N, C-alpha and C. Protein backbone atom coordinates (compact mmCIF):
# COMPACT_ATOMS: atom_id res chain seq x y z
N MET A 1 0.95 -0.81 -0.49
CA MET A 1 0.00 -0.23 -0.49
C MET A 1 0.59 1.38 -0.10
N SER A 2 1.08 1.90 -0.62
CA SER A 2 2.02 2.89 -1.51
C SER A 2 0.68 4.21 -1.18
N ASP A 3 -0.33 4.45 -1.71
CA ASP A 3 -1.20 5.67 -1.72
C ASP A 3 -1.87 5.13 -0.34
N LYS A 4 -2.44 6.44 0.18
CA LYS A 4 -3.20 6.53 0.90
C LYS A 4 -4.63 6.47 0.68
N MET A 5 -5.50 5.43 0.71
CA MET A 5 -6.83 5.73 0.61
C MET A 5 -7.30 6.35 1.70
N ASN A 6 -8.93 6.70 1.07
CA ASN A 6 -10.05 7.83 2.06
C ASN A 6 -10.46 7.11 3.04
N VAL A 7 -10.68 6.10 2.87
CA VAL A 7 -11.29 4.73 4.54
C VAL A 7 -10.00 4.66 4.76
N GLU A 8 -10.28 5.08 6.66
CA GLU A 8 -9.21 4.44 7.36
C GLU A 8 -9.02 3.46 7.37
N SER A 9 -10.06 2.03 7.27
CA SER A 9 -9.60 0.98 7.69
C SER A 9 -8.57 0.07 6.60
N PHE A 10 -9.16 0.97 5.65
CA PHE A 10 -8.15 0.36 4.49
C PHE A 10 -7.21 0.73 4.46
N ASN A 11 -6.43 1.97 5.22
CA ASN A 11 -5.37 1.71 5.61
C ASN A 11 -4.66 1.23 6.29
N LEU A 12 -5.39 0.64 7.47
CA LEU A 12 -4.92 -0.58 8.17
C LEU A 12 -4.42 -1.60 8.04
N ASP A 13 -3.09 -2.00 8.15
CA ASP A 13 -2.14 -3.21 8.25
C ASP A 13 -3.12 -4.77 9.30
N HIS A 14 -4.47 -5.15 8.37
CA HIS A 14 -4.98 -6.12 8.41
C HIS A 14 -4.09 -8.01 9.13
N THR A 15 -3.02 -7.42 8.51
CA THR A 15 -1.75 -8.89 8.71
C THR A 15 -1.36 -8.32 10.37
N ARG A 16 -1.49 -7.02 10.96
CA ARG A 16 -1.01 -7.00 12.06
C ARG A 16 -1.85 -7.39 13.25
N VAL A 17 -3.45 -6.80 12.75
CA VAL A 17 -3.61 -6.57 14.47
C VAL A 17 -3.61 -7.90 15.46
N LYS A 18 -4.51 -7.30 16.31
CA LYS A 18 -4.89 -9.07 16.91
C LYS A 18 -6.73 -8.75 17.51
N ALA A 19 -6.81 -9.03 17.43
CA ALA A 19 -8.24 -9.37 17.66
C ALA A 19 -8.39 -10.41 19.16
N PRO A 20 -9.16 -10.17 19.94
CA PRO A 20 -10.28 -9.11 19.88
C PRO A 20 -9.59 -7.72 20.55
N TYR A 21 -10.24 -6.83 20.08
CA TYR A 21 -9.72 -5.51 20.46
C TYR A 21 -10.87 -4.43 19.48
N VAL A 22 -10.28 -3.07 20.39
CA VAL A 22 -11.18 -1.57 20.83
C VAL A 22 -10.12 -0.97 20.10
N ARG A 23 -9.93 -0.39 19.13
CA ARG A 23 -9.22 0.85 19.17
C ARG A 23 -10.14 2.34 18.55
N LEU A 24 -9.62 3.05 18.57
CA LEU A 24 -10.55 4.43 18.05
C LEU A 24 -9.57 4.51 16.66
N ALA A 25 -10.89 4.84 15.82
CA ALA A 25 -10.49 4.46 14.05
C ALA A 25 -10.46 6.15 14.03
N ASP A 26 -11.53 6.79 14.20
CA ASP A 26 -11.37 7.97 13.11
C ASP A 26 -11.71 9.00 13.92
N ILE A 27 -11.64 10.22 13.95
CA ILE A 27 -12.30 11.34 14.68
C ILE A 27 -12.89 12.55 13.72
N LYS A 28 -14.15 12.69 13.93
CA LYS A 28 -14.83 13.93 12.72
C LYS A 28 -15.17 15.08 13.35
N THR A 29 -15.22 16.39 13.06
CA THR A 29 -15.50 17.49 13.70
C THR A 29 -16.27 18.36 12.53
N GLY A 30 -17.69 18.26 13.39
CA GLY A 30 -18.54 19.30 12.75
C GLY A 30 -18.70 20.42 12.58
N GLU A 31 -19.08 21.13 11.20
CA GLU A 31 -19.04 22.48 11.30
C GLU A 31 -19.46 23.15 12.97
N ASN A 32 -20.45 22.79 13.56
CA ASN A 32 -20.33 23.34 14.92
C ASN A 32 -19.83 22.61 16.80
N GLY A 33 -18.93 22.08 15.49
CA GLY A 33 -17.79 21.70 16.80
C GLY A 33 -17.76 20.12 17.56
N ASP A 34 -19.29 19.65 17.13
CA ASP A 34 -19.21 18.14 17.85
C ASP A 34 -18.64 17.31 17.05
N ARG A 35 -18.07 16.18 17.99
CA ARG A 35 -17.00 15.59 17.61
C ARG A 35 -17.74 14.36 17.62
N ILE A 36 -18.03 13.37 16.64
CA ILE A 36 -18.22 11.83 16.52
C ILE A 36 -16.46 11.33 16.69
N HIS A 37 -16.87 9.74 17.01
CA HIS A 37 -15.97 9.22 17.77
C HIS A 37 -15.82 7.56 17.40
N LYS A 38 -15.52 7.24 16.11
CA LYS A 38 -15.51 6.01 15.71
C LYS A 38 -14.44 5.33 16.45
N TYR A 39 -14.93 4.27 16.95
CA TYR A 39 -13.95 3.01 17.80
C TYR A 39 -14.46 1.69 15.97
N ASP A 40 -13.24 0.88 16.10
CA ASP A 40 -12.81 -0.44 15.14
C ASP A 40 -13.53 -1.45 16.44
N MET A 41 -14.31 -2.37 16.36
CA MET A 41 -13.97 -2.95 17.82
C MET A 41 -14.53 -4.52 17.03
N ARG A 42 -13.66 -4.68 17.21
CA ARG A 42 -12.70 -6.20 16.11
C ARG A 42 -13.23 -7.39 17.05
N ILE A 43 -13.76 -7.79 16.55
CA ILE A 43 -14.40 -9.65 16.91
C ILE A 43 -13.22 -10.72 17.14
N CYS A 44 -13.57 -10.95 16.09
CA CYS A 44 -12.48 -11.61 15.45
C CYS A 44 -11.35 -11.54 14.45
N GLN A 45 -10.76 -12.35 14.18
CA GLN A 45 -9.08 -12.04 13.10
C GLN A 45 -9.14 -11.95 12.07
N PRO A 46 -8.97 -10.36 11.41
CA PRO A 46 -9.30 -10.60 9.55
C PRO A 46 -8.66 -11.68 9.36
N ASN A 47 -9.34 -12.32 8.19
CA ASN A 47 -8.85 -12.77 7.09
C ASN A 47 -8.49 -14.64 7.53
N ARG A 48 -8.82 -14.66 8.95
CA ARG A 48 -8.55 -16.37 10.19
C ARG A 48 -10.18 -16.61 9.96
N GLU A 49 -11.08 -15.74 10.69
CA GLU A 49 -12.18 -16.22 10.72
C GLU A 49 -13.20 -15.37 10.58
N HIS A 50 -14.96 -15.47 10.80
CA HIS A 50 -15.69 -14.41 10.83
C HIS A 50 -17.20 -14.99 11.37
N MET A 51 -17.67 -13.86 12.06
CA MET A 51 -18.91 -14.36 12.41
C MET A 51 -19.79 -14.54 11.08
N GLU A 52 -20.69 -15.29 11.30
CA GLU A 52 -22.12 -15.83 10.87
C GLU A 52 -23.49 -14.92 10.70
N MET A 53 -23.64 -14.59 9.49
CA MET A 53 -24.54 -13.71 9.56
C MET A 53 -25.39 -13.28 10.37
N PRO A 54 -26.37 -14.29 10.92
CA PRO A 54 -27.60 -14.41 11.66
C PRO A 54 -26.85 -14.27 12.75
N ALA A 55 -26.00 -14.79 13.72
CA ALA A 55 -25.78 -14.19 14.82
C ALA A 55 -25.23 -12.72 15.01
N LEU A 56 -23.87 -12.33 14.00
CA LEU A 56 -23.69 -10.94 13.66
C LEU A 56 -24.81 -9.62 13.54
N HIS A 57 -26.15 -10.82 12.68
CA HIS A 57 -27.65 -9.76 12.87
C HIS A 57 -27.92 -9.33 13.95
N SER A 58 -27.94 -10.63 14.68
CA SER A 58 -28.79 -10.70 15.95
C SER A 58 -28.11 -9.90 16.83
N LEU A 59 -26.73 -10.00 17.52
CA LEU A 59 -26.02 -9.31 17.78
C LEU A 59 -25.78 -7.42 17.80
N GLU A 60 -26.27 -7.12 16.22
CA GLU A 60 -26.27 -5.88 15.75
C GLU A 60 -27.67 -5.32 16.22
N HIS A 61 -28.85 -6.61 16.30
CA HIS A 61 -29.94 -5.73 17.27
C HIS A 61 -29.74 -5.37 18.48
N LEU A 62 -29.18 -6.41 19.31
CA LEU A 62 -29.25 -6.29 20.25
C LEU A 62 -28.04 -5.16 21.43
N MET A 63 -26.89 -5.55 20.67
CA MET A 63 -26.45 -3.86 20.43
C MET A 63 -26.55 -2.17 20.71
N ALA A 64 -27.40 -2.32 19.28
CA ALA A 64 -27.57 -1.69 18.71
C ALA A 64 -28.72 -0.72 19.84
N GLU A 65 -29.84 -2.01 20.18
CA GLU A 65 -31.20 -1.32 21.05
C GLU A 65 -30.31 -1.52 22.84
N LEU A 66 -29.75 -2.03 22.98
CA LEU A 66 -28.64 -2.10 24.54
C LEU A 66 -28.17 -1.09 24.98
N SER A 67 -26.91 -0.59 23.90
CA SER A 67 -26.19 0.12 23.69
C SER A 67 -26.51 1.11 24.91
N ARG A 68 -27.80 2.36 24.08
CA ARG A 68 -28.13 2.89 24.34
C ARG A 68 -29.38 3.50 26.01
N ASN A 69 -29.26 1.69 26.53
CA ASN A 69 -29.54 2.07 28.03
C ASN A 69 -28.39 2.35 28.71
N HIS A 70 -27.03 2.58 28.12
CA HIS A 70 -25.70 2.97 29.11
C HIS A 70 -25.26 4.23 28.34
N SER A 71 -25.42 4.31 27.04
CA SER A 71 -25.36 6.03 27.20
C SER A 71 -27.09 6.71 26.26
N ASP A 72 -26.33 8.26 25.79
CA ASP A 72 -27.24 8.63 25.23
C ASP A 72 -26.38 9.43 24.09
N ARG A 73 -25.07 9.08 23.74
CA ARG A 73 -24.07 9.47 22.58
C ARG A 73 -23.72 8.41 21.65
N ILE A 74 -24.56 7.31 22.10
CA ILE A 74 -24.69 6.36 20.46
C ILE A 74 -25.04 7.38 19.70
N VAL A 75 -23.98 7.27 18.83
CA VAL A 75 -24.81 7.80 17.08
C VAL A 75 -25.17 6.52 16.55
N ASP A 76 -24.18 5.41 16.57
CA ASP A 76 -24.78 4.27 16.06
C ASP A 76 -23.28 3.10 16.08
N ILE A 77 -24.09 2.01 15.61
CA ILE A 77 -23.07 0.31 15.61
C ILE A 77 -23.73 -0.51 14.63
N SER A 78 -22.59 -0.56 14.10
CA SER A 78 -22.54 -1.26 12.74
C SER A 78 -21.71 -2.60 12.10
N PRO A 79 -22.80 -3.28 12.04
CA PRO A 79 -21.37 -4.44 11.39
C PRO A 79 -20.16 -3.91 10.03
N MET A 80 -19.31 -4.46 10.06
CA MET A 80 -18.47 -4.52 9.15
C MET A 80 -18.81 -5.11 8.11
N GLY A 81 -18.99 -4.85 6.78
CA GLY A 81 -19.29 -5.88 5.82
C GLY A 81 -18.20 -6.71 5.92
N CYS A 82 -16.57 -6.85 6.23
CA CYS A 82 -15.74 -8.37 6.30
C CYS A 82 -16.62 -9.43 7.25
N GLN A 83 -17.05 -8.70 8.22
CA GLN A 83 -18.21 -10.09 9.43
C GLN A 83 -16.86 -10.27 10.29
N THR A 84 -16.06 -8.75 10.92
CA THR A 84 -15.13 -9.90 11.52
C THR A 84 -15.41 -8.69 12.82
N GLY A 85 -15.95 -7.28 12.79
CA GLY A 85 -16.19 -6.73 14.06
C GLY A 85 -17.56 -5.45 13.61
N PHE A 86 -17.57 -4.64 14.81
CA PHE A 86 -18.18 -4.00 14.50
C PHE A 86 -17.27 -1.98 14.28
N TYR A 87 -18.46 -1.31 13.92
CA TYR A 87 -17.91 -0.12 14.28
C TYR A 87 -18.81 0.82 14.92
N VAL A 88 -18.84 1.37 16.39
CA VAL A 88 -19.50 2.14 17.05
C VAL A 88 -18.95 2.98 17.18
N ALA A 89 -20.18 4.34 16.72
CA ALA A 89 -19.68 5.85 16.70
C ALA A 89 -20.13 6.36 17.84
N LEU A 90 -20.00 7.63 18.31
CA LEU A 90 -20.84 8.38 19.61
C LEU A 90 -20.27 9.53 19.66
N ILE A 91 -20.73 10.47 19.67
CA ILE A 91 -20.96 11.66 19.46
C ILE A 91 -20.61 12.77 20.93
N ASN A 92 -18.68 13.53 20.38
CA ASN A 92 -18.68 14.62 21.87
C ASN A 92 -18.52 13.71 23.40
N HIS A 93 -17.59 11.97 22.84
CA HIS A 93 -17.34 11.26 23.67
C HIS A 93 -16.30 10.88 23.28
N ASP A 94 -15.04 11.02 24.05
CA ASP A 94 -13.23 10.44 23.64
C ASP A 94 -12.99 10.05 25.11
N ASP A 95 -13.43 9.28 26.36
CA ASP A 95 -13.46 8.57 27.37
C ASP A 95 -13.37 7.39 26.90
N TYR A 96 -11.95 7.07 26.30
CA TYR A 96 -11.54 5.61 25.93
C TYR A 96 -12.05 4.23 26.50
N ASP A 97 -12.02 4.89 28.23
CA ASP A 97 -11.97 3.57 29.20
C ASP A 97 -13.65 3.04 29.43
N ASP A 98 -14.01 4.56 28.97
CA ASP A 98 -15.29 4.31 29.11
C ASP A 98 -16.40 4.00 28.38
N VAL A 99 -15.58 4.06 26.88
CA VAL A 99 -16.64 3.07 26.02
C VAL A 99 -15.85 1.89 26.01
N LEU A 100 -14.67 1.09 26.51
CA LEU A 100 -14.94 0.22 26.90
C LEU A 100 -15.37 -0.05 28.03
N THR A 101 -15.55 0.48 29.33
CA THR A 101 -16.90 -0.27 29.75
C THR A 101 -18.35 -0.71 29.39
N LEU A 102 -19.00 0.98 28.20
CA LEU A 102 -20.35 0.52 27.53
C LEU A 102 -20.75 -0.99 27.14
N LEU A 103 -19.56 -1.20 26.41
CA LEU A 103 -19.16 -1.76 25.73
C LEU A 103 -19.25 -3.55 26.56
N GLN A 104 -18.81 -3.44 27.34
CA GLN A 104 -18.71 -4.45 28.24
C GLN A 104 -19.91 -4.46 28.78
N LYS A 105 -20.73 -3.46 29.34
CA LYS A 105 -22.09 -3.90 29.80
C LYS A 105 -23.08 -4.13 29.00
N THR A 106 -22.94 -3.25 27.84
CA THR A 106 -24.31 -3.87 26.31
C THR A 106 -23.52 -5.35 26.35
N LEU A 107 -22.64 -5.72 26.08
CA LEU A 107 -22.05 -7.67 26.04
C LEU A 107 -22.77 -8.66 27.00
N GLU A 108 -22.51 -7.94 28.46
CA GLU A 108 -23.26 -9.14 29.76
C GLU A 108 -25.02 -9.03 29.48
N ASP A 109 -25.54 -7.44 28.48
CA ASP A 109 -26.60 -7.81 28.70
C ASP A 109 -27.43 -7.99 27.95
N VAL A 110 -26.30 -8.61 26.43
CA VAL A 110 -26.78 -9.38 25.61
C VAL A 110 -26.95 -10.91 26.04
N LEU A 111 -26.02 -11.33 27.07
CA LEU A 111 -26.16 -12.94 27.52
C LEU A 111 -27.31 -12.68 28.49
N GLU A 112 -27.71 -11.74 28.95
CA GLU A 112 -28.88 -12.26 29.81
C GLU A 112 -31.05 -11.67 29.03
N ALA A 113 -30.17 -11.54 27.41
CA ALA A 113 -31.52 -11.11 26.76
C ALA A 113 -32.09 -12.49 26.43
N ASP A 114 -33.31 -12.19 26.07
CA ASP A 114 -34.27 -13.47 26.26
C ASP A 114 -34.93 -13.62 25.09
N GLU A 115 -34.35 -12.51 24.22
CA GLU A 115 -35.09 -12.51 22.56
C GLU A 115 -34.20 -11.10 22.20
N VAL A 116 -33.99 -11.40 20.60
CA VAL A 116 -33.68 -10.46 19.85
C VAL A 116 -34.94 -8.83 19.45
N PRO A 117 -34.16 -8.02 19.92
CA PRO A 117 -35.34 -6.94 19.63
C PRO A 117 -35.76 -6.85 17.89
N ALA A 118 -36.22 -6.32 17.84
CA ALA A 118 -37.25 -5.50 16.26
C ALA A 118 -36.84 -6.79 15.01
N CYS A 119 -36.82 -8.13 15.51
CA CYS A 119 -36.87 -9.31 15.35
C CYS A 119 -38.00 -9.88 14.30
N ASN A 120 -38.76 -8.90 13.59
CA ASN A 120 -39.72 -9.51 12.97
C ASN A 120 -39.39 -8.25 11.78
N GLU A 121 -40.65 -8.65 10.85
CA GLU A 121 -40.65 -8.53 9.32
C GLU A 121 -40.60 -6.68 9.32
N MET A 122 -41.94 -6.32 10.44
CA MET A 122 -42.59 -5.02 10.35
C MET A 122 -41.32 -4.27 10.96
N GLN A 123 -40.38 -4.30 11.38
CA GLN A 123 -39.01 -3.71 11.96
C GLN A 123 -37.64 -4.09 11.43
N CYS A 124 -38.01 -5.51 10.88
CA CYS A 124 -36.33 -5.98 10.17
C CYS A 124 -36.40 -6.31 8.77
N GLY A 125 -35.55 -6.14 8.32
CA GLY A 125 -35.24 -5.85 6.51
C GLY A 125 -35.40 -7.57 6.36
N TRP A 126 -34.71 -8.36 7.36
CA TRP A 126 -34.17 -10.03 7.21
C TRP A 126 -34.04 -10.50 8.48
N ALA A 127 -36.03 -10.59 8.60
CA ALA A 127 -35.98 -11.01 10.08
C ALA A 127 -35.74 -12.32 10.11
N ALA A 128 -35.78 -13.48 9.22
CA ALA A 128 -35.92 -14.83 9.23
C ALA A 128 -34.34 -15.31 9.58
N SER A 129 -33.39 -13.41 9.09
CA SER A 129 -31.62 -13.97 9.86
C SER A 129 -31.19 -12.88 11.05
N HIS A 130 -31.58 -14.44 11.60
CA HIS A 130 -30.83 -14.14 12.97
C HIS A 130 -30.62 -15.30 14.26
N SER A 131 -30.44 -15.59 15.14
CA SER A 131 -29.67 -16.01 15.89
C SER A 131 -29.27 -15.53 17.13
N LEU A 132 -30.62 -16.12 18.21
CA LEU A 132 -29.70 -14.97 19.52
C LEU A 132 -28.50 -15.68 20.25
N GLU A 133 -28.65 -17.15 19.93
CA GLU A 133 -27.93 -18.09 21.27
C GLU A 133 -26.76 -18.01 20.07
N GLY A 134 -26.62 -17.68 18.74
CA GLY A 134 -25.23 -17.14 18.27
C GLY A 134 -24.63 -16.21 18.53
N ALA A 135 -26.00 -14.88 18.73
CA ALA A 135 -25.24 -13.38 19.33
C ALA A 135 -24.58 -13.72 21.06
N LYS A 136 -24.75 -14.22 21.08
CA LYS A 136 -24.64 -14.78 22.87
C LYS A 136 -23.30 -15.20 22.76
N GLN A 137 -23.12 -16.02 22.04
CA GLN A 137 -21.63 -17.00 21.78
C GLN A 137 -20.97 -15.68 20.89
N ILE A 138 -21.23 -14.76 20.43
CA ILE A 138 -20.27 -13.99 20.19
C ILE A 138 -19.43 -12.99 21.01
N ALA A 139 -20.71 -12.56 21.71
CA ALA A 139 -20.53 -11.38 22.96
C ALA A 139 -19.84 -12.35 23.80
N ARG A 140 -19.86 -13.53 24.32
CA ARG A 140 -18.81 -14.55 25.34
C ARG A 140 -17.94 -14.58 25.01
N GLY A 141 -17.44 -14.75 23.47
CA GLY A 141 -16.41 -14.84 23.50
C GLY A 141 -15.27 -13.61 24.00
N PHE A 142 -16.04 -12.80 23.10
CA PHE A 142 -15.20 -10.79 22.95
C PHE A 142 -15.11 -10.61 24.41
N LEU A 143 -15.99 -10.97 25.09
CA LEU A 143 -16.05 -10.71 26.74
C LEU A 143 -15.17 -11.40 27.19
N ALA A 144 -14.93 -13.00 26.80
CA ALA A 144 -13.35 -13.56 27.70
C ALA A 144 -12.31 -12.90 27.25
N GLY A 145 -11.88 -12.21 26.33
CA GLY A 145 -11.16 -11.61 25.74
C GLY A 145 -10.37 -9.61 26.44
N ARG A 146 -11.47 -9.83 27.59
CA ARG A 146 -11.63 -8.19 27.56
C ARG A 146 -9.98 -7.19 28.44
N HIS A 147 -9.43 -8.33 28.88
CA HIS A 147 -8.44 -8.07 29.12
C HIS A 147 -7.19 -7.56 28.06
N GLU A 148 -7.56 -7.96 26.59
CA GLU A 148 -7.04 -7.46 25.24
C GLU A 148 -7.32 -6.84 24.49
N TRP A 149 -8.26 -6.17 25.12
CA TRP A 149 -8.88 -4.70 24.19
C TRP A 149 -8.35 -4.16 23.73
N THR A 150 -7.22 -3.22 24.85
CA THR A 150 -6.90 -2.39 24.18
C THR A 150 -5.44 -2.84 23.67
N ASP A 151 -5.50 -4.57 23.38
CA ASP A 151 -3.83 -4.50 22.48
C ASP A 151 -3.74 -4.51 20.95
N VAL A 152 -4.04 -3.73 19.90
CA VAL A 152 -4.32 -3.64 18.96
C VAL A 152 -3.00 -4.58 17.93
N PHE A 153 -2.14 -4.05 18.25
CA PHE A 153 -1.17 -4.80 17.16
C PHE A 153 -0.54 -6.13 17.59
N ALA A 154 -0.19 -7.18 16.72
CA ALA A 154 0.68 -8.33 17.48
C ALA A 154 1.95 -8.45 17.89
């Protein structure tokens, strides 16, 4: 990679990272001074493993809903197309340790969930593709590596 690309993650050497981790990927400042902090929440080792879609889809629904019980600064939680993690965007919130705590609490809530929020044809674009148990398995695994979340590179 010799030329810098417009997308931050395209400039990240995916062969050097070590999942699981949470890293600050980008900060954007709006014209009124608001700042969006985008975090790379990497669950799976790139190019070695990935989350299956029904589990990833359910985890997305669960985290999107449950994270907002812990913070009003969540802008979005979006799955990566490569199925190895999520992007977590927060507004005007730059406390990395607090973000880690927010993710931990959210994933602990996932483990307690007895249903996937908005898992129906009226509220979801592919309601047939969900797995609550798969989402819990991913959450359990990521939480088990909590002590590694701050270590991005191998």
